[in-house]
Structures are given as structure tokens and as C-alpha cells.
N, C-alpha and C. Protein backbone atom coordinates (compact mmCIF):
# COMPACT_ATOMS: atom_id res chain seq x y z
N MET A 1 0.83 -1.19 0.00
CA MET A 1 0.00 0.00 0.00
C MET A 1 0.87 1.24 0.00
N HIS A 2 1.99 1.19 0.71
CA HIS A 2 2.87 2.34 0.78
C HIS A 2 3.44 2.67 -0.58
N GLY A 3 3.78 1.64 -1.38
CA GLY A 3 4.33 1.85 -2.71
C GLY A 3 3.33 2.52 -3.64
N VAL A 4 2.06 2.13 -3.55
CA VAL A 4 1.02 2.73 -4.38
C VAL A 4 0.84 4.19 -4.01
N GLN A 5 0.82 4.47 -2.73
CA GLN A 5 0.66 5.83 -2.25
C GLN A 5 1.83 6.70 -2.70
N LYS A 6 3.03 6.15 -2.63
CA LYS A 6 4.23 6.87 -3.04
C LYS A 6 4.21 7.16 -4.54
N THR A 7 3.78 6.16 -5.35
CA THR A 7 3.71 6.34 -6.80
C THR A 7 2.66 7.38 -7.16
N ALA A 8 1.51 7.31 -6.54
CA ALA A 8 0.44 8.26 -6.83
C ALA A 8 0.85 9.68 -6.46
N SER A 9 1.47 9.88 -5.31
CA SER A 9 1.87 11.23 -4.92
C SER A 9 2.97 11.74 -5.85
N GLY A 10 3.85 10.87 -6.32
CA GLY A 10 4.87 11.30 -7.28
C GLY A 10 4.28 11.67 -8.62
N LEU A 11 3.26 10.93 -9.05
CA LEU A 11 2.61 11.20 -10.32
C LEU A 11 1.87 12.53 -10.28
N PHE A 12 1.07 12.74 -9.25
CA PHE A 12 0.31 13.98 -9.15
C PHE A 12 1.22 15.16 -8.83
N GLY A 13 2.32 14.92 -8.15
CA GLY A 13 3.29 15.98 -7.88
C GLY A 13 3.97 16.44 -9.15
N ALA A 14 4.13 15.55 -10.13
CA ALA A 14 4.77 15.92 -11.39
C ALA A 14 3.89 16.89 -12.17
N PHE A 15 2.57 16.81 -12.02
CA PHE A 15 1.68 17.73 -12.71
C PHE A 15 1.73 19.13 -12.12
N SER A 16 2.11 19.25 -10.86
CA SER A 16 2.14 20.56 -10.22
C SER A 16 3.46 21.28 -10.41
N GLN A 17 4.45 20.66 -11.03
CA GLN A 17 5.76 21.28 -11.27
C GLN A 17 5.65 22.23 -12.45
N PRO A 18 6.40 23.32 -12.44
CA PRO A 18 6.43 24.21 -13.61
C PRO A 18 7.05 23.48 -14.79
N ALA A 19 6.70 23.91 -16.01
CA ALA A 19 7.20 23.27 -17.22
C ALA A 19 8.71 23.37 -17.29
N GLY A 20 9.34 22.30 -17.70
CA GLY A 20 10.78 22.28 -17.85
C GLY A 20 11.51 21.82 -16.62
N LYS A 21 10.88 21.81 -15.49
CA LYS A 21 11.54 21.37 -14.26
C LYS A 21 10.97 20.01 -13.87
N SER A 22 11.85 19.12 -13.49
CA SER A 22 11.39 17.82 -13.02
C SER A 22 11.87 17.65 -11.59
N PRO A 23 11.08 17.00 -10.77
CA PRO A 23 11.48 16.82 -9.37
C PRO A 23 12.65 15.86 -9.27
N ALA A 24 13.44 16.05 -8.25
CA ALA A 24 14.56 15.14 -8.00
C ALA A 24 14.00 13.79 -7.59
N PRO A 25 14.58 12.72 -8.10
CA PRO A 25 14.05 11.40 -7.73
C PRO A 25 14.28 11.13 -6.24
N ALA A 26 13.28 10.57 -5.63
CA ALA A 26 13.38 10.23 -4.22
C ALA A 26 14.20 8.95 -4.08
N PRO A 27 15.05 8.88 -3.10
CA PRO A 27 15.85 7.66 -2.92
C PRO A 27 14.93 6.49 -2.59
N SER A 28 15.18 5.39 -3.26
CA SER A 28 14.35 4.20 -3.07
C SER A 28 15.09 3.22 -2.16
N VAL A 29 14.48 2.91 -1.05
CA VAL A 29 15.07 1.95 -0.11
C VAL A 29 14.08 0.81 0.02
N PRO A 30 14.42 -0.35 -0.52
CA PRO A 30 13.49 -1.47 -0.39
C PRO A 30 13.41 -1.94 1.05
N SER A 31 12.19 -2.15 1.49
CA SER A 31 12.02 -2.65 2.85
C SER A 31 12.10 -4.17 2.82
N PRO A 32 12.84 -4.76 3.72
CA PRO A 32 13.02 -6.21 3.68
C PRO A 32 11.74 -6.97 3.96
N GLY A 33 10.81 -6.44 4.72
CA GLY A 33 9.57 -7.13 5.02
C GLY A 33 9.80 -8.38 5.86
N ARG A 34 8.80 -9.24 5.90
CA ARG A 34 8.89 -10.46 6.70
C ARG A 34 9.89 -11.44 6.14
N TRP A 35 9.98 -11.53 4.83
CA TRP A 35 10.82 -12.55 4.22
C TRP A 35 12.26 -12.11 4.08
N GLY A 36 12.52 -10.87 4.34
CA GLY A 36 13.88 -10.38 4.16
C GLY A 36 14.23 -10.39 2.69
N GLY A 37 15.35 -10.92 2.33
CA GLY A 37 15.76 -11.01 0.93
C GLY A 37 15.37 -12.32 0.28
N TRP A 38 14.57 -13.15 0.93
CA TRP A 38 14.24 -14.48 0.42
C TRP A 38 12.97 -14.52 -0.42
N GLY A 39 12.29 -13.39 -0.58
CA GLY A 39 11.02 -13.39 -1.31
C GLY A 39 11.16 -13.85 -2.75
N GLN A 40 12.13 -13.29 -3.47
CA GLN A 40 12.31 -13.67 -4.88
C GLN A 40 12.75 -15.12 -5.01
N ALA A 41 13.61 -15.56 -4.08
CA ALA A 41 14.05 -16.96 -4.12
C ALA A 41 12.87 -17.90 -3.86
N ALA A 42 11.98 -17.50 -2.96
CA ALA A 42 10.81 -18.32 -2.67
C ALA A 42 9.91 -18.43 -3.90
N TYR A 43 9.74 -17.31 -4.64
CA TYR A 43 8.95 -17.36 -5.87
C TYR A 43 9.60 -18.27 -6.90
N ALA A 44 10.91 -18.20 -7.03
CA ALA A 44 11.62 -19.03 -8.01
C ALA A 44 11.49 -20.51 -7.67
N VAL A 45 11.66 -20.84 -6.40
CA VAL A 45 11.54 -22.24 -5.98
C VAL A 45 10.10 -22.73 -6.16
N GLY A 46 9.15 -21.88 -5.82
CA GLY A 46 7.74 -22.25 -6.00
C GLY A 46 7.40 -22.47 -7.46
N GLY A 47 7.90 -21.60 -8.34
CA GLY A 47 7.67 -21.78 -9.78
C GLY A 47 8.29 -23.06 -10.30
N ALA A 48 9.51 -23.37 -9.81
CA ALA A 48 10.17 -24.60 -10.23
C ALA A 48 9.39 -25.83 -9.77
N LEU A 49 8.84 -25.77 -8.56
CA LEU A 49 8.05 -26.89 -8.05
C LEU A 49 6.78 -27.09 -8.86
N VAL A 50 6.12 -26.00 -9.21
CA VAL A 50 4.89 -26.10 -10.01
C VAL A 50 5.21 -26.66 -11.40
N ALA A 51 6.29 -26.17 -12.01
CA ALA A 51 6.68 -26.68 -13.33
C ALA A 51 7.03 -28.16 -13.26
N GLY A 52 7.76 -28.56 -12.21
CA GLY A 52 8.10 -29.97 -12.04
C GLY A 52 6.88 -30.84 -11.85
N ALA A 53 5.91 -30.34 -11.09
CA ALA A 53 4.68 -31.10 -10.88
C ALA A 53 3.91 -31.25 -12.19
N ALA A 54 3.90 -30.21 -13.02
CA ALA A 54 3.20 -30.29 -14.31
C ALA A 54 3.88 -31.31 -15.23
N VAL A 55 5.21 -31.31 -15.24
CA VAL A 55 5.93 -32.27 -16.08
C VAL A 55 5.70 -33.70 -15.58
N GLY A 56 5.74 -33.88 -14.26
CA GLY A 56 5.51 -35.21 -13.69
C GLY A 56 4.11 -35.72 -13.99
N THR A 57 3.14 -34.85 -13.89
CA THR A 57 1.76 -35.24 -14.19
C THR A 57 1.61 -35.61 -15.66
N ALA A 58 2.21 -34.82 -16.54
CA ALA A 58 2.14 -35.13 -17.97
C ALA A 58 2.82 -36.46 -18.27
N TYR A 59 3.94 -36.74 -17.62
CA TYR A 59 4.63 -38.01 -17.84
C TYR A 59 3.79 -39.18 -17.34
N TYR A 60 3.16 -39.00 -16.18
CA TYR A 60 2.34 -40.05 -15.60
C TYR A 60 1.14 -40.37 -16.51
N HIS A 61 0.56 -39.34 -17.11
CA HIS A 61 -0.62 -39.52 -17.96
C HIS A 61 -0.25 -39.61 -19.45
N ARG A 62 1.00 -39.93 -19.73
CA ARG A 62 1.49 -40.00 -21.10
C ARG A 62 0.66 -40.92 -21.99
N PRO A 63 0.29 -42.13 -21.54
CA PRO A 63 -0.52 -43.00 -22.43
C PRO A 63 -1.87 -42.37 -22.80
N ASN A 64 -2.49 -41.69 -21.84
CA ASN A 64 -3.77 -41.04 -22.14
C ASN A 64 -3.58 -39.90 -23.13
N ILE A 65 -2.50 -39.15 -22.96
CA ILE A 65 -2.23 -38.03 -23.86
C ILE A 65 -1.93 -38.55 -25.26
N GLU A 66 -1.15 -39.62 -25.36
CA GLU A 66 -0.82 -40.18 -26.67
C GLU A 66 -2.06 -40.72 -27.38
N SER A 67 -2.93 -41.40 -26.66
CA SER A 67 -4.13 -41.92 -27.30
C SER A 67 -5.07 -40.79 -27.70
N GLY A 68 -5.14 -39.75 -26.89
CA GLY A 68 -5.95 -38.58 -27.25
C GLY A 68 -5.41 -37.87 -28.46
N TYR A 69 -4.08 -37.77 -28.54
CA TYR A 69 -3.45 -37.13 -29.70
C TYR A 69 -3.69 -37.97 -30.96
N GLY A 70 -3.62 -39.28 -30.82
CA GLY A 70 -3.89 -40.15 -31.97
C GLY A 70 -5.32 -40.02 -32.45
N ALA A 71 -6.26 -39.97 -31.52
CA ALA A 71 -7.67 -39.82 -31.89
C ALA A 71 -7.90 -38.47 -32.56
N LEU A 72 -7.26 -37.43 -32.05
CA LEU A 72 -7.40 -36.11 -32.64
C LEU A 72 -6.83 -36.08 -34.06
N THR A 73 -5.69 -36.73 -34.25
CA THR A 73 -5.09 -36.79 -35.58
C THR A 73 -5.99 -37.52 -36.56
N GLU A 74 -6.55 -38.65 -36.14
CA GLU A 74 -7.46 -39.40 -37.01
C GLU A 74 -8.71 -38.59 -37.35
N HIS A 75 -9.23 -37.88 -36.36
CA HIS A 75 -10.42 -37.07 -36.60
C HIS A 75 -10.13 -35.96 -37.60
N MET A 76 -8.97 -35.33 -37.49
CA MET A 76 -8.63 -34.27 -38.43
C MET A 76 -8.45 -34.81 -39.85
N GLN A 77 -7.93 -36.03 -39.98
CA GLN A 77 -7.83 -36.66 -41.31
C GLN A 77 -9.23 -36.91 -41.87
N TYR A 78 -10.15 -37.36 -41.01
CA TYR A 78 -11.53 -37.62 -41.42
C TYR A 78 -12.20 -36.33 -41.88
N VAL A 79 -12.04 -35.27 -41.10
CA VAL A 79 -12.65 -33.99 -41.47
C VAL A 79 -12.03 -33.46 -42.76
N GLY A 80 -10.73 -33.64 -42.90
CA GLY A 80 -10.07 -33.22 -44.15
C GLY A 80 -10.62 -33.96 -45.34
N ALA A 81 -10.93 -35.25 -45.19
CA ALA A 81 -11.50 -36.04 -46.29
C ALA A 81 -12.91 -35.56 -46.61
N LEU A 82 -13.67 -35.11 -45.60
CA LEU A 82 -15.01 -34.61 -45.87
C LEU A 82 -15.00 -33.35 -46.71
N TRP A 83 -13.96 -32.54 -46.61
CA TRP A 83 -13.89 -31.28 -47.33
C TRP A 83 -13.30 -31.44 -48.74
N ASN A 84 -12.88 -32.63 -49.08
CA ASN A 84 -12.32 -32.88 -50.41
C ASN A 84 -13.47 -32.93 -51.42
N ARG A 85 -13.52 -31.96 -52.34
CA ARG A 85 -14.66 -31.86 -53.28
C ARG A 85 -14.77 -33.08 -54.19
N ASP A 86 -13.66 -33.56 -54.69
CA ASP A 86 -13.70 -34.71 -55.61
C ASP A 86 -14.21 -35.96 -54.90
N ALA A 87 -13.72 -36.17 -53.67
CA ALA A 87 -14.17 -37.34 -52.91
C ALA A 87 -15.65 -37.21 -52.54
N LEU A 88 -16.09 -35.99 -52.24
CA LEU A 88 -17.50 -35.77 -51.92
C LEU A 88 -18.38 -36.08 -53.13
N ALA A 89 -17.97 -35.61 -54.29
CA ALA A 89 -18.75 -35.89 -55.50
C ALA A 89 -18.81 -37.40 -55.77
N GLU A 90 -17.71 -38.10 -55.53
CA GLU A 90 -17.69 -39.56 -55.72
C GLU A 90 -18.64 -40.25 -54.74
N ARG A 91 -18.66 -39.81 -53.49
CA ARG A 91 -19.57 -40.42 -52.51
C ARG A 91 -21.03 -40.20 -52.89
N VAL A 92 -21.37 -39.01 -53.36
CA VAL A 92 -22.75 -38.74 -53.76
C VAL A 92 -23.11 -39.59 -54.98
N ARG A 93 -22.19 -39.70 -55.93
CA ARG A 93 -22.44 -40.55 -57.11
C ARG A 93 -22.69 -42.00 -56.68
N ASN A 94 -21.91 -42.51 -55.73
CA ASN A 94 -22.11 -43.88 -55.25
C ASN A 94 -23.46 -44.05 -54.57
N LEU A 95 -23.91 -43.04 -53.83
CA LEU A 95 -25.23 -43.12 -53.19
C LEU A 95 -26.35 -43.16 -54.23
N VAL A 96 -26.25 -42.31 -55.23
CA VAL A 96 -27.28 -42.28 -56.28
C VAL A 96 -27.25 -43.59 -57.07
N GLU A 97 -26.07 -44.07 -57.35
CA GLU A 97 -25.94 -45.34 -58.08
C GLU A 97 -26.50 -46.51 -57.27
N GLY A 98 -26.27 -46.50 -55.97
CA GLY A 98 -26.80 -47.56 -55.12
C GLY A 98 -28.31 -47.57 -55.11
N GLU A 99 -28.92 -46.39 -55.18
CA GLU A 99 -30.38 -46.32 -55.19
C GLU A 99 -30.94 -46.72 -56.55
N THR A 100 -30.36 -46.23 -57.64
CA THR A 100 -30.93 -46.49 -58.96
C THR A 100 -30.62 -47.90 -59.46
N MET A 101 -29.41 -48.39 -59.23
CA MET A 101 -29.03 -49.68 -59.80
C MET A 101 -29.32 -50.86 -58.87
N HIS A 102 -29.22 -50.65 -57.55
CA HIS A 102 -29.35 -51.78 -56.63
C HIS A 102 -30.58 -51.67 -55.74
N GLY A 103 -31.35 -50.61 -55.88
CA GLY A 103 -32.56 -50.49 -55.10
C GLY A 103 -32.33 -50.17 -53.62
N ILE A 104 -31.16 -49.67 -53.27
CA ILE A 104 -30.87 -49.31 -51.87
C ILE A 104 -31.39 -47.91 -51.64
N LEU A 105 -32.21 -47.75 -50.61
CA LEU A 105 -32.81 -46.45 -50.31
C LEU A 105 -32.37 -46.00 -48.93
N PHE A 106 -31.88 -44.79 -48.85
CA PHE A 106 -31.47 -44.22 -47.56
C PHE A 106 -32.54 -43.25 -47.09
N ARG A 107 -32.91 -43.39 -45.83
CA ARG A 107 -33.91 -42.48 -45.24
C ARG A 107 -33.36 -41.92 -43.94
N THR A 108 -33.81 -40.72 -43.64
CA THR A 108 -33.40 -40.11 -42.37
C THR A 108 -34.57 -39.95 -41.46
């Protein structure tokens, strides 16, 4: 909260200065707080632990991921075949031929 208050007062103080003059920068002294100098190290270790847990989970579920990727790949090949105009025209021709020549009727 102190940092926000300090930033806001510096920002609004800059508007009250005459043109061409800028205020002298206030000396910045970081307060050690409860963690002292260990705060950044704690964030780094925590991030490493989370990343390690994500990698471990992905490795553990590797068979599920591989089968899902395979199913997705097959589905995309199927959808790609549906958009092929020549193959679509051939399928429609086969349906019409099945009805006219062999008496097969499709109903929905």
C-alpha cells in the first residue's frame, strides 16, 4: 500500500511542477519485510516446483495423452476427407448409383 501511495503522490506531484523542471528522484530503499531477501528466491523455488509437478503429471498420464493425440489426428484426417470436393462428388455418385441400380434407399 505504501508503494502505491508513493507512486500516486509522485505522479500527481509531477503535474504541479512548472514546465521544464522535473522533481529530483526520491531515494528508493526497499524494505526487507517479513521474508527479508528471500522473497524472490521463494517465488523461483515455487515456480520450479509447479513446473516440475506439471511435467511429472504429464509423464504419468502420457498414455492417455498419446491416445488422445492419436484420436485427434485421425479425426482431423476424417474432417479433411469430408472437405475434399472430388471425394464428396464420388460419394454422392455412389449413393445415387446404389439407389438407382441396386434399389438401396437411404432415409433419415
